[in-house]
């Protein structure tokens, strides 16, 4: 499983770095330590990036979540 971030061309390098880490579950404190900046700066960059608009797409190969087995093929289980 992987993520794809669309619209990165609208973001600065630092915004891209912050978005990549934040969208994979990193906290502001961990991102700040990794990138050598204050947690408040991480929050500012993340909010600025969100205002510029980007999309996170989850790319799933196969059925790692176990939801697309034989019983779910017809979609009539509701």
Protein backbone atom coordinates (compact mmCIF):
# COMPACT_ATOMS: atom_id res chain seq x y z
CA UNK A 1 0.00 0.00 0.00
CA UNK A 2 1.27 3.47 -0.78
CA UNK A 3 -0.01 7.03 -0.92
CA UNK A 4 0.07 9.41 -3.85
CA UNK A 5 -0.03 13.14 -3.24
CA UNK A 6 -1.49 15.05 -6.16
CA UNK A 7 -0.93 18.77 -6.58
CA UNK A 8 2.60 18.83 -5.13
CA UNK A 9 3.71 21.21 -7.86
CA UNK A 10 1.78 23.96 -6.05
CA UNK A 11 3.78 23.46 -2.85
CA UNK A 12 7.24 24.64 -1.80
CA UNK A 13 9.90 22.04 -1.02
CA UNK A 14 9.42 22.48 2.74
CA UNK A 15 5.64 22.21 2.39
CA UNK A 16 6.10 19.01 0.37
CA UNK A 17 8.34 17.52 3.05
CA UNK A 18 5.89 18.40 5.81
CA UNK A 19 2.88 17.09 3.86
CA UNK A 20 4.60 13.80 3.03
CA UNK A 21 5.41 13.16 6.68
CA UNK A 22 2.15 14.45 8.14
CA UNK A 23 -0.01 12.49 5.69
CA UNK A 24 1.78 9.28 6.67
CA UNK A 25 0.90 9.81 10.32
CA UNK A 26 3.84 11.74 11.79
CA UNK A 27 3.13 14.19 14.62
CA UNK A 28 4.20 17.84 14.43
CA UNK A 29 6.90 17.12 17.04
CA UNK A 30 8.36 14.21 15.06
CA UNK A 31 8.28 16.16 11.78
CA UNK A 32 9.94 19.13 13.50
CA UNK A 33 12.73 16.95 14.89
CA UNK A 34 13.28 15.25 11.52
CA UNK A 35 13.40 18.51 9.54
CA UNK A 36 15.14 20.66 12.16
CA UNK A 37 12.40 23.20 12.74
CA UNK A 38 9.95 24.19 15.45
CA UNK A 39 6.63 22.33 15.75
CA UNK A 40 4.83 25.66 15.21
CA UNK A 41 6.63 26.03 11.87
CA UNK A 42 5.48 22.53 10.89
CA UNK A 43 1.88 23.51 11.71
CA UNK A 44 2.20 26.71 9.68
CA UNK A 45 3.66 24.92 6.66
CA UNK A 46 1.02 22.17 6.84
CA UNK A 47 -1.84 24.69 7.04
CA UNK A 48 -0.37 26.73 4.20
CA UNK A 49 -0.07 23.58 2.07
CA UNK A 50 -3.67 22.60 2.81
CA UNK A 51 -4.85 26.05 1.72
CA UNK A 52 -3.05 25.58 -1.62
CA UNK A 53 -4.99 22.39 -2.19
CA UNK A 54 -3.58 18.95 -2.74
CA UNK A 55 -5.11 15.48 -2.73
CA UNK A 56 -3.93 12.34 -0.98
CA UNK A 57 -4.77 9.14 -2.82
CA UNK A 58 -4.35 5.71 -1.25
CA UNK A 59 -2.99 3.21 -3.79
CA UNK A 60 -3.78 -0.37 -2.81
CA UNK A 61 -2.36 -3.35 -4.63
CA UNK A 62 -4.19 -6.63 -4.18
CA UNK A 63 -6.38 -7.00 -1.07
CA UNK A 64 -4.23 -6.14 1.96
CA UNK A 65 -7.28 -4.94 3.88
CA UNK A 66 -9.18 -8.17 3.33
CA UNK A 67 -12.31 -6.43 2.06
CA UNK A 68 -12.44 -7.54 -1.58
CA UNK A 69 -12.77 -11.28 -1.14
CA UNK A 70 -15.31 -13.53 -2.88
CA UNK A 71 -18.14 -12.65 -0.49
CA UNK A 72 -17.92 -8.93 -1.41
CA UNK A 73 -17.92 -9.39 -5.20
CA UNK A 74 -21.64 -8.94 -5.82
CA UNK A 75 -22.05 -5.92 -3.54
CA UNK A 76 -25.46 -7.15 -2.31
CA UNK A 77 -24.45 -7.81 1.29
CA UNK A 78 -26.27 -4.75 2.70
